[in-house]
Protein backbone atom coordinates (compact mmCIF):
# COMPACT_ATOMS: atom_id res chain seq x y z
CA UNK A 1 -39.29 -22.39 -10.36
CA UNK A 2 -36.12 -24.20 -9.56
CA UNK A 3 -34.84 -23.75 -5.75
CA UNK A 4 -31.21 -24.60 -5.05
CA UNK A 5 -29.89 -25.87 -1.85
CA UNK A 6 -26.91 -22.80 -1.11
CA UNK A 7 -24.59 -25.67 0.69
CA UNK A 8 -24.36 -28.05 -1.61
CA UNK A 9 -25.79 -26.52 -4.68
CA UNK A 10 -28.48 -29.56 -4.77
CA UNK A 11 -32.08 -29.09 -6.35
CA UNK A 12 -34.89 -28.87 -3.68
CA UNK A 13 -37.70 -31.00 -4.55
CA UNK A 14 -40.85 -29.79 -5.03
CA UNK A 15 -42.30 -32.89 -3.00
CA UNK A 16 -44.77 -31.65 -0.34
CA UNK A 17 -46.38 -27.76 1.18
CA UNK A 18 -43.84 -26.73 2.82
CA UNK A 19 -40.90 -26.96 0.23
CA UNK A 20 -41.67 -23.05 0.12
CA UNK A 21 -40.37 -22.45 3.96
CA UNK A 22 -37.33 -25.10 2.97
CA UNK A 23 -33.69 -22.85 2.47
CA UNK A 24 -31.38 -26.37 2.82
CA UNK A 25 -31.79 -29.70 1.19
CA UNK A 26 -31.00 -31.84 4.37
CA UNK A 27 -30.48 -30.60 8.23
CA UNK A 28 -27.24 -31.69 7.80
CA UNK A 29 -26.75 -28.73 5.24
CA UNK A 30 -28.76 -26.45 7.75
CA UNK A 31 -25.82 -27.36 10.17
CA UNK A 32 -22.99 -26.98 7.40
CA UNK A 33 -24.22 -23.53 6.99
CA UNK A 34 -25.34 -22.05 10.48
CA UNK A 35 -21.27 -23.08 11.52
CA UNK A 36 -20.24 -21.39 9.16
CA UNK A 37 -22.17 -18.21 9.67
CA UNK A 38 -20.65 -18.69 13.32
CA UNK A 39 -17.27 -19.42 12.02
CA UNK A 40 -17.10 -15.39 9.74
CA UNK A 41 -19.12 -13.98 12.50
CA UNK A 42 -16.03 -14.81 15.37
CA UNK A 43 -13.49 -14.37 13.07
CA UNK A 44 -15.50 -10.66 11.99
CA UNK A 45 -15.43 -10.06 16.02
CA UNK A 46 -11.71 -10.75 16.47
CA UNK A 47 -10.77 -9.02 13.82
CA UNK A 48 -12.87 -5.73 15.12
CA UNK A 49 -10.57 -6.70 18.26
CA UNK A 50 -7.65 -5.92 16.22
CA UNK A 51 -8.44 -3.19 14.95
CA UNK A 52 -6.35 -0.77 17.71
CA UNK A 53 -2.99 -2.89 17.26
CA UNK A 54 -3.51 -3.64 13.05
CA UNK A 55 -0.65 -1.50 11.23
CA UNK A 56 -3.36 -0.34 8.49
CA UNK A 57 -5.70 0.64 10.77
CA UNK A 58 -3.28 2.96 12.35
CA UNK A 59 -1.83 4.04 9.50
CA UNK A 60 -5.66 5.11 8.52
CA UNK A 61 -6.00 6.57 11.55
CA UNK A 62 -2.38 8.60 11.74
CA UNK A 63 -3.89 10.15 8.32
CA UNK A 64 -6.84 11.54 9.56
CA UNK A 65 -5.71 13.19 12.43
CA UNK A 66 -3.22 14.76 10.18
CA UNK A 67 -5.94 15.62 7.81
CA UNK A 68 -8.05 17.44 10.50
CA UNK A 69 -10.92 14.81 9.25
CA UNK A 70 -12.07 11.78 7.89
CA UNK A 71 -13.12 13.35 4.72
CA UNK A 72 -10.06 11.95 3.44
CA UNK A 73 -11.81 9.05 2.94
CA UNK A 74 -14.75 10.22 0.46
CA UNK A 75 -15.60 8.32 -2.21
CA UNK A 76 -14.42 5.35 -1.41
CA UNK A 77 -16.10 1.79 -2.46
CA UNK A 78 -15.32 -1.26 -0.94
CA UNK A 79 -12.78 -2.41 -3.99
CA UNK A 80 -11.04 1.36 -3.08
CA UNK A 81 -11.14 0.83 0.68
CA UNK A 82 -9.68 -2.57 -0.17
CA UNK A 83 -6.75 -1.86 -2.75
CA UNK A 84 -5.58 1.32 -0.12
CA UNK A 85 -5.34 -0.80 2.56
CA UNK A 86 -3.76 -3.45 0.70
CA UNK A 87 -1.08 -0.59 -0.58
CA UNK A 88 -0.32 0.41 3.39
CA UNK A 89 -0.26 -3.18 4.25
CA UNK A 90 2.25 -4.88 1.71
CA UNK A 91 5.13 -1.92 2.09
CA UNK A 92 7.80 -2.91 -0.77
CA UNK A 93 11.73 -3.26 0.58
CA UNK A 94 14.24 -0.64 0.26
CA UNK A 95 13.96 2.89 1.88
CA UNK A 96 10.79 4.02 0.68
CA UNK A 97 7.81 6.01 2.12
CA UNK A 98 3.94 6.48 0.82
CA UNK A 99 3.27 9.12 -0.93
CA UNK A 100 0.13 11.63 -1.43
CA UNK A 101 -0.15 12.79 -5.29
CA UNK A 102 -2.78 15.72 -4.17
CA UNK A 103 -0.83 16.86 -0.75
CA UNK A 104 -2.93 16.11 2.42
CA UNK A 105 -3.14 20.53 2.87
CA UNK A 106 -3.08 21.76 -0.26
CA UNK A 107 -4.22 24.84 -1.62
CA UNK A 108 -7.71 25.08 -0.82
CA UNK A 109 -8.54 21.35 -0.92
CA UNK A 110 -7.39 18.30 1.09
CA UNK A 111 -5.50 15.46 -0.38
CA UNK A 112 -7.59 12.14 0.20
CA UNK A 113 -6.49 8.27 1.56
CA UNK A 114 -7.12 6.76 -1.63
CA UNK A 115 -4.76 3.78 -3.42
CA UNK A 116 -5.42 6.31 -6.74
CA UNK A 117 -3.91 9.56 -4.33
CA UNK A 118 -0.76 6.82 -3.11
CA UNK A 119 2.11 5.21 -4.44
CA UNK A 120 5.57 4.32 -2.97
CA UNK A 121 8.42 6.41 -3.27
CA UNK A 122 12.11 6.89 -2.50
CA UNK A 123 12.21 8.08 1.18
CA UNK A 124 14.66 11.20 -0.32
CA UNK A 125 13.28 12.20 -3.13
CA UNK A 126 9.75 12.68 -0.79
CA UNK A 127 11.58 14.48 1.62
CA UNK A 128 13.45 16.59 -1.69
CA UNK A 129 9.63 17.36 -3.46
CA UNK A 130 7.75 18.32 0.07
CA UNK A 131 4.16 19.50 -0.44
CA UNK A 132 4.69 20.57 -4.36
CA UNK A 133 1.59 19.76 -6.56
CA UNK A 134 2.10 18.69 -9.76
CA UNK A 135 -1.46 17.34 -11.01
CA UNK A 136 -4.09 14.88 -10.57
CA UNK A 137 -4.77 12.51 -7.48
CA UNK A 138 -7.38 13.12 -5.49
CA UNK A 139 -8.97 15.39 -3.50
CA UNK A 140 -11.75 17.18 -1.57
CA UNK A 141 -12.40 20.76 -1.31
CA UNK A 142 -12.09 22.65 1.79
CA UNK A 143 -15.34 24.00 0.85
CA UNK A 144 -17.16 20.96 1.24
CA UNK A 145 -15.32 19.31 4.40
CA UNK A 146 -18.02 19.40 7.54
CA UNK A 147 -17.32 20.00 11.56
CA UNK A 148 -19.49 17.03 12.47
CA UNK A 149 -16.14 14.20 11.23
CA UNK A 150 -13.79 17.39 11.67
CA UNK A 151 -11.50 15.59 14.30
CA UNK A 152 -7.76 16.62 16.62
CA UNK A 153 -4.69 15.12 16.84
CA UNK A 154 -5.02 14.49 19.87
CA UNK A 155 -8.26 12.65 19.55
CA UNK A 156 -7.96 8.91 20.86
CA UNK A 157 -8.11 6.30 17.90
CA UNK A 158 -11.27 4.35 19.74
CA UNK A 159 -13.10 7.70 18.60
CA UNK A 160 -11.38 8.61 15.32
CA UNK A 161 -12.24 4.74 14.34
CA UNK A 162 -16.02 4.97 15.61
CA UNK A 163 -16.33 8.17 12.95
CA UNK A 164 -14.79 6.41 10.39
CA UNK A 165 -16.74 3.93 10.28
CA UNK A 166 -19.95 6.19 10.83
CA UNK A 167 -18.14 7.95 7.67
CA UNK A 168 -17.55 4.98 5.15
CA UNK A 169 -21.23 2.73 6.52
CA UNK A 170 -21.02 -0.57 5.76
CA UNK A 171 -17.17 -0.58 3.85
CA UNK A 172 -16.00 -1.74 7.67
CA UNK A 173 -17.95 -4.58 8.52
CA UNK A 174 -17.01 -5.59 4.96
CA UNK A 175 -13.23 -4.82 4.89
CA UNK A 176 -13.45 -6.86 8.43
CA UNK A 177 -14.72 -10.07 6.52
CA UNK A 178 -12.79 -9.96 3.52
CA UNK A 179 -9.06 -8.23 4.63
CA UNK A 180 -6.83 -9.92 7.33
CA UNK A 181 -7.01 -7.63 10.62
CA UNK A 182 -4.01 -9.15 12.29
CA UNK A 183 -2.26 -7.88 14.64
CA UNK A 184 0.67 -6.04 14.53
CA UNK A 185 4.29 -7.16 15.34
CA UNK A 186 5.64 -4.18 17.49
CA UNK A 187 2.17 -4.98 19.73
CA UNK A 188 3.95 -7.76 21.64
CA UNK A 189 6.24 -5.03 21.36
CA UNK A 190 4.72 -2.56 23.44
CA UNK A 191 2.60 -5.02 25.76
CA UNK A 192 6.23 -5.84 27.04
CA UNK A 193 7.16 -3.04 27.46
CA UNK A 194 3.86 -1.54 29.51
CA UNK A 195 5.33 -4.39 31.87
CA UNK A 196 8.67 -2.21 32.65
CA UNK A 197 7.06 1.30 32.04
CA UNK A 198 3.35 1.01 33.06
CA UNK A 199 3.17 5.11 32.86
CA UNK A 200 3.79 4.77 29.18
CA UNK A 201 1.24 5.32 26.92
CA UNK A 202 0.34 2.88 24.32
CA UNK A 203 -1.66 4.32 21.81
CA UNK A 204 1.46 6.57 21.39
CA UNK A 205 4.57 3.81 21.49
CA UNK A 206 2.28 2.25 18.64
CA UNK A 207 3.48 5.07 16.53
CA UNK A 208 6.77 4.24 16.77
CA UNK A 209 8.45 1.75 14.06
CA UNK A 210 9.88 -1.76 15.27
CA UNK A 211 13.37 -1.11 15.49
CA UNK A 212 12.71 1.64 18.41
CA UNK A 213 10.45 -0.20 20.34
CA UNK A 214 13.07 -3.13 20.25
CA UNK A 215 15.76 -0.08 21.23
CA UNK A 216 13.39 0.80 23.94
CA UNK A 217 12.36 -2.46 25.18
CA UNK A 218 16.28 -3.80 25.42
CA UNK A 219 17.05 -0.60 27.40
CA UNK A 220 14.52 -1.54 29.92
CA UNK A 221 15.73 -5.06 30.13
CA UNK A 222 19.55 -4.00 30.34
CA UNK A 223 20.37 -6.58 26.83
CA UNK A 224 20.77 -6.28 23.64
CA UNK A 225 18.36 -8.48 21.11
CA UNK A 226 19.70 -9.77 17.63
CA UNK A 227 18.98 -7.03 15.34
CA UNK A 228 16.43 -7.16 12.13
CA UNK A 229 19.36 -6.67 9.10
CA UNK A 230 18.28 -4.54 6.66
CA UNK A 231 17.08 -5.32 3.46
CA UNK A 232 19.68 -5.21 0.68
CA UNK A 233 17.16 -4.78 -1.79
CA UNK A 234 16.61 -1.77 -3.34
CA UNK A 235 13.67 0.24 -4.16
CA UNK A 236 13.56 0.38 -8.01
CA UNK A 237 11.35 -2.40 -7.98
CA UNK A 238 8.79 -0.51 -6.12
CA UNK A 239 8.64 2.12 -8.45
CA UNK A 240 8.31 -0.61 -11.32
CA UNK A 241 5.27 -1.81 -9.21
CA UNK A 242 3.38 1.45 -8.55
CA UNK A 243 4.07 2.70 -12.50
CA UNK A 244 2.22 -0.81 -13.27
CA UNK A 245 -0.10 -0.06 -10.80
CA UNK A 246 -1.56 3.01 -12.28
CA UNK A 247 -1.06 1.61 -16.22
CA UNK A 248 -3.54 -0.96 -14.77
CA UNK A 249 -6.53 2.14 -14.04
CA UNK A 250 -6.23 3.54 -17.67
CA UNK A 251 -7.04 6.77 -18.93
CA UNK A 252 -4.91 9.36 -20.79
CA UNK A 253 -1.15 8.30 -19.24
CA UNK A 254 -1.03 4.83 -19.96
CA UNK A 255 0.96 5.42 -22.78
CA UNK A 256 3.44 7.88 -21.53
CA UNK A 257 3.73 5.18 -18.17
CA UNK A 258 3.72 2.09 -20.00
CA UNK A 259 7.21 3.94 -22.04
CA UNK A 260 9.01 4.75 -19.32
CA UNK A 261 8.58 1.66 -17.81
CA UNK A 262 10.24 -0.28 -20.44
CA UNK A 263 12.81 2.24 -20.50
CA UNK A 264 13.37 1.46 -16.85
CA UNK A 265 13.71 -2.09 -17.45
CA UNK A 266 16.86 -1.09 -19.69
CA UNK A 267 18.29 1.35 -17.29
CA UNK A 268 17.79 -1.47 -13.99
CA UNK A 269 20.23 -4.45 -16.42
CA UNK A 270 22.77 -0.92 -16.64
CA UNK A 271 22.89 -0.42 -13.18
CA UNK A 272 22.54 -4.12 -12.09
CA UNK A 273 26.15 -4.88 -13.44
CA UNK A 274 27.36 -1.86 -11.59
CA UNK A 275 27.67 -3.09 -8.18
CA UNK A 276 28.52 -0.32 -6.30
CA UNK A 277 25.14 1.04 -7.12
CA UNK A 278 23.69 -1.19 -5.51
CA UNK A 279 20.61 -2.17 -7.69
CA UNK A 280 19.08 -5.49 -6.93
CA UNK A 281 15.75 -7.05 -6.55
CA UNK A 282 15.32 -10.60 -6.49
CA UNK A 283 12.09 -10.68 -8.69
CA UNK A 284 12.37 -8.36 -10.98
CA UNK A 285 13.21 -10.14 -13.81
CA UNK A 286 10.58 -12.82 -13.15
CA UNK A 287 7.60 -9.50 -13.29
CA UNK A 288 9.18 -7.73 -16.18
CA UNK A 289 11.46 -9.84 -17.98
CA UNK A 290 9.38 -10.07 -20.46
CA UNK A 291 9.17 -5.99 -20.86
CA UNK A 292 13.20 -6.34 -22.35
CA UNK A 293 13.93 -6.01 -25.47
CA UNK A 294 17.14 -8.30 -27.32
CA UNK A 295 18.44 -5.54 -28.56
CA UNK A 296 18.79 -3.48 -25.33
CA UNK A 297 19.45 -7.02 -23.11
CA UNK A 298 23.76 -6.49 -23.26
CA UNK A 299 23.12 -2.61 -21.51
CA UNK A 300 26.40 -1.02 -19.77
CA UNK A 301 26.72 2.21 -18.62
CA UNK A 302 29.18 4.01 -20.89
CA UNK A 303 31.40 6.11 -18.22
CA UNK A 304 30.52 3.31 -14.81
CA UNK A 305 32.00 5.91 -12.59
CA UNK A 306 28.63 7.62 -13.43
CA UNK A 307 26.59 5.17 -11.64
CA UNK A 308 25.17 7.79 -9.46
CA UNK A 309 23.98 10.40 -12.02
CA UNK A 310 22.35 7.85 -14.24
CA UNK A 311 20.48 6.01 -11.05
CA UNK A 312 19.53 9.77 -9.40
CA UNK A 313 18.10 10.80 -12.75
CA UNK A 314 16.01 7.69 -13.40
CA UNK A 315 14.88 7.74 -9.68
CA UNK A 316 13.99 11.50 -9.70
CA UNK A 317 11.92 10.84 -13.26
CA UNK A 318 9.74 8.54 -12.28
CA UNK A 319 9.12 9.90 -8.85
CA UNK A 320 8.20 13.21 -10.61
CA UNK A 321 5.95 10.81 -12.69
CA UNK A 322 4.11 9.50 -10.33
CA UNK A 323 3.14 13.08 -8.36
CA UNK A 324 1.82 13.90 -11.69
CA UNK A 325 4.08 15.75 -13.98
CA UNK A 326 3.91 14.63 -17.56
CA UNK A 327 6.92 13.37 -19.63
CA UNK A 328 8.59 13.83 -23.29
CA UNK A 329 9.06 10.11 -23.23
CA UNK A 330 11.12 10.49 -26.43
CA UNK A 331 13.24 13.12 -25.21
CA UNK A 332 14.00 11.28 -21.75
CA UNK A 333 14.78 8.00 -23.43
CA UNK A 334 17.60 10.36 -25.70
CA UNK A 335 18.93 11.20 -22.55
CA UNK A 336 18.98 7.90 -20.85
CA UNK A 337 20.70 6.11 -23.64
CA UNK A 338 22.77 8.61 -24.00
CA UNK A 339 25.01 6.76 -20.64
CA UNK A 340 24.51 3.62 -21.98
CA UNK A 341 26.57 0.70 -24.57
CA UNK A 342 24.94 -2.14 -26.02
CA UNK A 343 27.44 -5.03 -26.54
CA UNK A 344 26.54 -7.28 -28.89
CA UNK A 345 25.38 -10.63 -26.70
CA UNK A 346 28.05 -13.11 -26.19
CA UNK A 347 27.50 -15.78 -28.27
């Protein structure tokens, strides 16, 4: 039997009767391991303390309240939970909202808070779509919902989190070890508002966006802060990234999703050349240039004044597909290309 030191991976030689009890090769390695363990424990404790002021965790709490149960976390593994919370943390630029595929309040079922049931889509498209359901996503039957996991809209965040941790078992301790659970920048504003307005409800304030909190603080201070400039980037790349994510999950829809993504690359090139469309993403070509087909490389709108109709076609189509709709890509390609012309590549 070979035994290695977990700190330095050196083989521990069997030179004494105490060999079977040795874990580390030297006292130095033992101390290094203990310091590392203490550091990890301290970091996990700090992250746990940050949970109630963390954007992703607060979103999870709101979703549980909205559904009336923590069973919207059904079926999670540590990997899927990490991916879901990372999805919430890394909100794309542009006018986007985190959308459910299977609605939270569906007919006889409750949509899950899970990365495979969530995607970023346009705020406008999401408001127009409402609570419709086209297929796919993840849900739990309402018949399986248990009263012991139920919560109310007024349930304090701490009580919700206690119930979440009970429901998920060892996933939360693992999450605290692996994920960056940082305090929200909004919390700093909330603390300042509480100093000037002691009677305010901090938990309610944390449900506001950064700009709204800043405006409230400015009003209390009778001053005006430097405003945060809205991003000039469009939500186009958010749709591309979400298609790419769902392609990565595999399944029978992969071919259709991949064909749609390739068509969206052509549409992007045409819209980007139309300045009025405000279609721009800094890293679009860094990510998706390999998908460009040379024959479509100079794509332009046949009738530039119809850019808004064209963009609506693209956004509405990809939104409905991410919502679970099926798409005849040949028919869509024909319609898409009817808006475009392809001048020869300059010599």
